[in-house]
């Protein structure tokens, strides 16, 4: 298993607030009634294999009609409840973080960077 975490400090020394580190972002993938992953065109865990980024796009034209249908269902439901989709990753959805605020024209995000607490 590997862990990937976006840095909280940019290369120029400025603060970065990664969306997952705020608690305001989730990665979503649909499953069927048996708990099996449905065809979404590619699984988010395989994003490094999407070298040109075209399979990851929410409206990818390189995926099956079934995958397009499932992405459309997921997108419709999450948008109806106020989530914002990252334009380059169909599975990445935000609510209350800075991307969400920008997407919906809000003056500020609801969430900031979570404190790093030892467990």
N, C-alpha and C. Protein backbone atom coordinates (compact mmCIF):
# COMPACT_ATOMS: atom_id res chain seq x y z
N UNK A 1 0.85 -1.18 0.00
CA UNK A 1 0.00 0.00 0.00
C UNK A 1 0.89 1.24 0.00
N UNK A 2 0.45 2.26 -0.71
CA UNK A 2 1.19 3.52 -0.68
C UNK A 2 0.24 4.64 -0.32
N UNK A 3 0.80 5.71 0.18
CA UNK A 3 0.02 6.87 0.54
C UNK A 3 0.51 8.05 -0.28
N UNK A 4 -0.44 8.82 -0.78
CA UNK A 4 -0.08 10.03 -1.50
C UNK A 4 -0.81 11.18 -0.86
N UNK A 5 -0.08 12.19 -0.49
CA UNK A 5 -0.67 13.36 0.13
C UNK A 5 -0.09 14.59 -0.54
N UNK A 6 -0.97 15.49 -0.95
CA UNK A 6 -0.51 16.74 -1.55
C UNK A 6 0.22 17.57 -0.49
N UNK A 7 1.30 18.24 -0.88
CA UNK A 7 2.07 19.03 0.10
C UNK A 7 1.26 20.22 0.60
N UNK A 8 1.50 20.61 1.85
CA UNK A 8 0.82 21.78 2.40
C UNK A 8 1.64 23.05 2.20
N UNK A 9 2.85 22.89 1.69
CA UNK A 9 3.71 24.04 1.34
C UNK A 9 4.10 23.89 -0.13
N UNK A 10 3.84 24.92 -0.93
CA UNK A 10 4.23 24.91 -2.34
C UNK A 10 5.74 25.10 -2.47
N UNK A 11 6.26 24.84 -3.66
CA UNK A 11 7.70 24.97 -3.90
C UNK A 11 8.20 26.39 -3.64
N UNK A 12 7.33 27.40 -3.84
CA UNK A 12 7.74 28.79 -3.60
C UNK A 12 7.62 29.19 -2.14
N UNK A 13 7.22 28.25 -1.27
CA UNK A 13 7.12 28.52 0.16
C UNK A 13 5.73 28.96 0.61
N UNK A 14 4.84 29.23 -0.33
CA UNK A 14 3.49 29.64 0.03
C UNK A 14 2.68 28.44 0.51
N UNK A 15 1.64 28.73 1.28
CA UNK A 15 0.81 27.66 1.83
C UNK A 15 -0.09 27.06 0.75
N UNK A 16 -0.17 25.76 0.70
CA UNK A 16 -1.10 25.05 -0.16
C UNK A 16 -2.13 24.39 0.74
N UNK A 17 -3.38 24.44 0.35
CA UNK A 17 -4.42 23.78 1.13
C UNK A 17 -5.05 22.71 0.24
N UNK A 18 -4.48 21.51 0.24
CA UNK A 18 -5.03 20.43 -0.59
C UNK A 18 -6.46 20.11 -0.18
N UNK A 19 -7.31 19.90 -1.16
CA UNK A 19 -8.74 19.73 -0.87
C UNK A 19 -9.03 18.54 0.04
N UNK A 20 -8.34 17.43 -0.13
CA UNK A 20 -8.61 16.29 0.76
C UNK A 20 -8.16 16.57 2.19
N UNK A 21 -7.16 17.43 2.35
CA UNK A 21 -6.65 17.74 3.69
C UNK A 21 -7.58 18.67 4.47
N UNK A 22 -8.63 19.19 3.83
CA UNK A 22 -9.59 20.03 4.54
C UNK A 22 -10.76 19.21 5.07
N UNK A 23 -10.92 18.01 4.57
CA UNK A 23 -12.10 17.23 4.89
C UNK A 23 -13.26 17.59 3.98
N UNK A 24 -13.02 18.48 3.02
CA UNK A 24 -14.07 18.95 2.13
C UNK A 24 -14.09 18.27 0.78
N UNK A 25 -13.31 17.23 0.57
CA UNK A 25 -13.28 16.54 -0.72
C UNK A 25 -13.32 15.03 -0.52
N UNK A 26 -13.97 14.38 -1.46
CA UNK A 26 -14.07 12.92 -1.44
C UNK A 26 -13.84 12.39 -2.85
N UNK A 27 -13.40 11.16 -2.92
CA UNK A 27 -13.30 10.46 -4.20
C UNK A 27 -14.43 9.44 -4.21
N UNK A 28 -15.23 9.45 -5.28
CA UNK A 28 -16.44 8.63 -5.35
C UNK A 28 -16.34 7.65 -6.51
N UNK A 29 -16.79 6.43 -6.25
CA UNK A 29 -16.85 5.38 -7.26
C UNK A 29 -18.11 4.58 -6.98
N UNK A 30 -18.86 4.26 -8.01
CA UNK A 30 -20.12 3.55 -7.82
C UNK A 30 -19.93 2.04 -7.76
N UNK A 31 -20.78 1.41 -6.95
CA UNK A 31 -20.80 -0.05 -6.87
C UNK A 31 -22.24 -0.52 -7.09
N UNK A 32 -22.38 -1.78 -7.48
CA UNK A 32 -23.71 -2.34 -7.69
C UNK A 32 -24.24 -2.95 -6.40
N UNK A 33 -25.41 -3.58 -6.49
CA UNK A 33 -26.06 -4.15 -5.31
C UNK A 33 -25.28 -5.30 -4.69
N UNK A 34 -24.33 -5.87 -5.44
CA UNK A 34 -23.49 -6.94 -4.91
C UNK A 34 -22.19 -6.41 -4.30
N UNK A 35 -22.01 -5.08 -4.34
CA UNK A 35 -20.79 -4.48 -3.83
C UNK A 35 -19.65 -4.48 -4.82
N UNK A 36 -19.96 -4.79 -6.07
CA UNK A 36 -18.94 -4.82 -7.13
C UNK A 36 -18.86 -3.46 -7.81
N UNK A 37 -17.66 -3.05 -8.15
CA UNK A 37 -17.47 -1.78 -8.87
C UNK A 37 -18.13 -1.86 -10.24
N UNK A 38 -18.86 -0.82 -10.62
CA UNK A 38 -19.46 -0.76 -11.95
C UNK A 38 -18.44 -0.18 -12.93
N UNK A 39 -18.72 -0.31 -14.21
CA UNK A 39 -17.83 0.24 -15.24
C UNK A 39 -17.93 1.75 -15.26
N UNK A 40 -16.88 2.41 -14.79
CA UNK A 40 -16.82 3.87 -14.82
C UNK A 40 -15.75 4.34 -15.82
N UNK A 41 -15.23 3.42 -16.61
CA UNK A 41 -14.23 3.77 -17.62
C UNK A 41 -12.81 3.53 -17.14
N UNK A 42 -12.59 3.77 -15.88
CA UNK A 42 -11.32 3.48 -15.21
C UNK A 42 -11.55 3.66 -13.72
N UNK A 43 -10.81 2.93 -12.93
CA UNK A 43 -10.93 3.06 -11.48
C UNK A 43 -9.98 4.17 -11.03
N UNK A 44 -10.41 5.00 -10.07
CA UNK A 44 -9.53 6.08 -9.60
C UNK A 44 -8.15 5.61 -9.14
N UNK A 45 -8.05 4.40 -8.60
CA UNK A 45 -6.74 3.91 -8.15
C UNK A 45 -5.76 3.76 -9.32
N UNK A 46 -6.28 3.73 -10.54
CA UNK A 46 -5.44 3.55 -11.73
C UNK A 46 -5.11 4.87 -12.42
N UNK A 47 -5.29 5.98 -11.73
CA UNK A 47 -5.11 7.28 -12.39
C UNK A 47 -3.71 7.50 -12.94
N UNK A 48 -2.71 6.89 -12.34
CA UNK A 48 -1.35 7.05 -12.86
C UNK A 48 -1.17 6.38 -14.23
N UNK A 49 -2.05 5.44 -14.55
CA UNK A 49 -1.98 4.77 -15.84
C UNK A 49 -2.64 5.58 -16.96
N UNK A 50 -3.37 6.61 -16.58
CA UNK A 50 -4.05 7.48 -17.54
C UNK A 50 -3.09 8.58 -17.97
N UNK A 51 -2.11 8.21 -18.77
CA UNK A 51 -0.98 9.07 -19.10
C UNK A 51 -1.37 10.40 -19.73
N UNK A 52 -2.38 10.40 -20.58
CA UNK A 52 -2.78 11.67 -21.21
C UNK A 52 -3.94 12.34 -20.48
N UNK A 53 -4.45 11.71 -19.43
CA UNK A 53 -5.51 12.29 -18.61
C UNK A 53 -6.90 12.25 -19.24
N UNK A 54 -7.04 11.64 -20.38
CA UNK A 54 -8.33 11.68 -21.08
C UNK A 54 -9.37 10.72 -20.53
N UNK A 55 -8.95 9.63 -19.90
CA UNK A 55 -9.92 8.71 -19.28
C UNK A 55 -10.46 9.28 -17.97
N UNK A 56 -9.68 10.11 -17.32
CA UNK A 56 -10.06 10.69 -16.03
C UNK A 56 -11.08 11.81 -16.16
N UNK A 57 -11.16 12.42 -17.31
CA UNK A 57 -12.07 13.55 -17.50
C UNK A 57 -13.51 13.15 -17.25
N UNK A 58 -14.28 13.97 -16.56
CA UNK A 58 -15.69 13.64 -16.29
C UNK A 58 -16.48 13.30 -17.56
N UNK A 59 -16.22 14.00 -18.64
CA UNK A 59 -16.94 13.77 -19.89
C UNK A 59 -16.06 13.10 -20.94
N UNK A 60 -15.27 12.15 -20.53
CA UNK A 60 -14.36 11.46 -21.44
C UNK A 60 -15.12 10.83 -22.60
N UNK A 61 -14.56 10.95 -23.78
CA UNK A 61 -15.15 10.30 -24.96
C UNK A 61 -14.50 8.95 -25.21
N UNK A 62 -13.52 8.58 -24.40
CA UNK A 62 -12.79 7.33 -24.59
C UNK A 62 -13.31 6.17 -23.74
N UNK A 63 -14.48 6.32 -23.17
CA UNK A 63 -15.04 5.29 -22.31
C UNK A 63 -16.31 4.71 -22.93
N UNK A 64 -16.74 3.57 -22.42
CA UNK A 64 -17.93 2.90 -22.95
C UNK A 64 -19.20 3.71 -22.66
N UNK A 65 -20.25 3.37 -23.37
CA UNK A 65 -21.55 4.03 -23.13
C UNK A 65 -22.04 3.73 -21.71
N UNK A 66 -21.78 2.52 -21.23
CA UNK A 66 -22.16 2.17 -19.86
C UNK A 66 -21.43 3.05 -18.85
N UNK A 67 -20.13 3.23 -19.05
CA UNK A 67 -19.35 4.08 -18.15
C UNK A 67 -19.85 5.52 -18.20
N UNK A 68 -20.18 6.00 -19.38
CA UNK A 68 -20.73 7.37 -19.51
C UNK A 68 -22.03 7.49 -18.73
N UNK A 69 -22.87 6.45 -18.81
CA UNK A 69 -24.15 6.46 -18.08
C UNK A 69 -23.91 6.55 -16.58
N UNK A 70 -23.00 5.72 -16.06
CA UNK A 70 -22.75 5.74 -14.62
C UNK A 70 -22.11 7.05 -14.17
N UNK A 71 -21.22 7.59 -14.96
CA UNK A 71 -20.64 8.89 -14.61
C UNK A 71 -21.71 9.97 -14.59
N UNK A 72 -22.63 9.91 -15.55
CA UNK A 72 -23.71 10.88 -15.62
C UNK A 72 -24.63 10.79 -14.40
N UNK A 73 -24.97 9.56 -14.00
CA UNK A 73 -25.80 9.36 -12.81
C UNK A 73 -25.10 9.93 -11.59
N UNK A 74 -23.84 9.59 -11.40
CA UNK A 74 -23.08 10.06 -10.25
C UNK A 74 -23.00 11.59 -10.24
N UNK A 75 -22.70 12.16 -11.38
CA UNK A 75 -22.57 13.60 -11.50
C UNK A 75 -23.89 14.30 -11.19
N UNK A 76 -24.95 13.80 -11.75
CA UNK A 76 -26.26 14.40 -11.53
C UNK A 76 -26.64 14.43 -10.05
N UNK A 77 -26.46 13.31 -9.39
CA UNK A 77 -26.82 13.21 -7.96
C UNK A 77 -25.95 14.13 -7.11
N UNK A 78 -24.64 14.09 -7.32
CA UNK A 78 -23.74 14.89 -6.49
C UNK A 78 -23.91 16.39 -6.74
N UNK A 79 -24.16 16.78 -7.98
CA UNK A 79 -24.41 18.20 -8.26
C UNK A 79 -25.70 18.68 -7.62
N UNK A 80 -26.72 17.83 -7.61
CA UNK A 80 -28.00 18.20 -7.01
C UNK A 80 -27.88 18.50 -5.52
N UNK A 81 -26.92 17.88 -4.85
CA UNK A 81 -26.76 18.13 -3.42
C UNK A 81 -25.63 19.11 -3.12
N UNK A 82 -25.12 19.78 -4.17
CA UNK A 82 -24.20 20.89 -3.96
C UNK A 82 -22.72 20.60 -4.05
N UNK A 83 -22.32 19.44 -4.53
CA UNK A 83 -20.90 19.14 -4.68
C UNK A 83 -20.38 19.69 -6.00
N UNK A 84 -19.11 20.03 -6.03
CA UNK A 84 -18.42 20.49 -7.23
C UNK A 84 -17.45 19.42 -7.68
N UNK A 85 -17.44 19.14 -8.97
CA UNK A 85 -16.56 18.11 -9.54
C UNK A 85 -15.29 18.76 -10.06
N UNK A 86 -14.14 18.16 -9.72
CA UNK A 86 -12.88 18.62 -10.27
C UNK A 86 -12.88 18.34 -11.77
N UNK A 87 -12.53 19.32 -12.57
CA UNK A 87 -12.65 19.23 -14.03
C UNK A 87 -11.78 18.15 -14.66
N UNK A 88 -10.77 17.67 -13.95
CA UNK A 88 -9.85 16.70 -14.53
C UNK A 88 -9.98 15.29 -13.95
N UNK A 89 -10.85 15.10 -12.94
CA UNK A 89 -11.00 13.79 -12.30
C UNK A 89 -12.48 13.53 -12.02
N UNK A 90 -13.10 12.62 -12.76
CA UNK A 90 -14.53 12.38 -12.59
C UNK A 90 -14.88 11.95 -11.16
N UNK A 91 -13.95 11.35 -10.44
CA UNK A 91 -14.22 10.80 -9.12
C UNK A 91 -14.05 11.80 -7.98
N UNK A 92 -13.44 12.94 -8.23
CA UNK A 92 -13.10 13.90 -7.17
C UNK A 92 -14.20 14.95 -7.01
N UNK A 93 -14.80 14.97 -5.84
CA UNK A 93 -15.91 15.89 -5.56
C UNK A 93 -15.63 16.69 -4.29
N UNK A 94 -16.00 17.95 -4.32
CA UNK A 94 -15.71 18.87 -3.20
C UNK A 94 -16.98 19.51 -2.67
N UNK A 95 -16.94 19.77 -1.38
CA UNK A 95 -17.99 20.56 -0.76
C UNK A 95 -17.36 21.38 0.36
N UNK A 96 -17.37 22.68 0.20
CA UNK A 96 -16.90 23.57 1.25
C UNK A 96 -15.43 23.92 1.20
N UNK A 97 -14.65 23.32 0.31
CA UNK A 97 -13.23 23.67 0.21
C UNK A 97 -13.05 24.83 -0.77
N UNK A 98 -11.82 25.23 -1.00
CA UNK A 98 -11.59 26.39 -1.85
C UNK A 98 -11.97 26.14 -3.31
N UNK A 99 -11.83 24.91 -3.80
CA UNK A 99 -12.26 24.61 -5.17
C UNK A 99 -13.78 24.77 -5.29
N UNK A 100 -14.51 24.26 -4.32
CA UNK A 100 -15.97 24.39 -4.27
C UNK A 100 -16.37 25.86 -4.27
N UNK A 101 -15.69 26.66 -3.45
CA UNK A 101 -16.00 28.09 -3.37
C UNK A 101 -15.79 28.77 -4.72
N UNK A 102 -14.70 28.46 -5.39
CA UNK A 102 -14.42 29.02 -6.70
C UNK A 102 -15.47 28.55 -7.72
N UNK A 103 -15.76 27.28 -7.72
CA UNK A 103 -16.71 26.67 -8.66
C UNK A 103 -18.09 27.33 -8.57
N UNK A 104 -18.53 27.60 -7.33
CA UNK A 104 -19.86 28.17 -7.12
C UNK A 104 -19.85 29.68 -6.90
N UNK A 105 -18.68 30.33 -7.05
CA UNK A 105 -18.61 31.78 -6.90
C UNK A 105 -18.83 32.27 -5.49
N UNK A 106 -18.47 31.44 -4.51
CA UNK A 106 -18.61 31.83 -3.10
C UNK A 106 -17.43 32.71 -2.70
N UNK A 107 -17.61 33.64 -1.78
CA UNK A 107 -16.50 34.52 -1.39
C UNK A 107 -15.39 33.81 -0.61
N UNK A 108 -15.74 32.73 0.10
CA UNK A 108 -14.74 31.98 0.88
C UNK A 108 -15.14 30.51 0.94
N UNK A 109 -14.16 29.71 1.29
CA UNK A 109 -14.42 28.29 1.54
C UNK A 109 -14.99 28.14 2.95
N UNK A 110 -15.67 27.06 3.18
CA UNK A 110 -16.18 26.74 4.51
C UNK A 110 -15.07 26.12 5.35
N UNK A 111 -14.25 25.28 4.68
CA UNK A 111 -13.21 24.52 5.37
C UNK A 111 -11.83 25.03 5.03
N UNK A 112 -10.94 25.00 6.01
CA UNK A 112 -9.54 25.28 5.81
C UNK A 112 -8.74 24.01 6.09
N UNK A 113 -7.44 24.15 6.19
CA UNK A 113 -6.57 23.01 6.42
C UNK A 113 -6.81 22.43 7.81
N UNK A 114 -6.95 21.09 7.89
CA UNK A 114 -7.13 20.43 9.18
C UNK A 114 -5.81 20.41 9.92
N UNK A 115 -5.88 20.47 11.23
CA UNK A 115 -4.67 20.36 12.03
C UNK A 115 -4.14 18.94 11.97
N UNK A 116 -2.83 18.81 11.99
CA UNK A 116 -2.22 17.49 12.03
C UNK A 116 -2.16 17.06 13.49
N UNK A 117 -2.95 16.12 13.86
CA UNK A 117 -2.99 15.65 15.25
C UNK A 117 -2.50 14.22 15.31
N UNK A 118 -1.71 13.94 16.31
CA UNK A 118 -1.23 12.57 16.52
C UNK A 118 -2.36 11.76 17.12
N UNK A 119 -2.45 10.52 16.69
CA UNK A 119 -3.53 9.64 17.19
C UNK A 119 -3.09 8.88 18.39
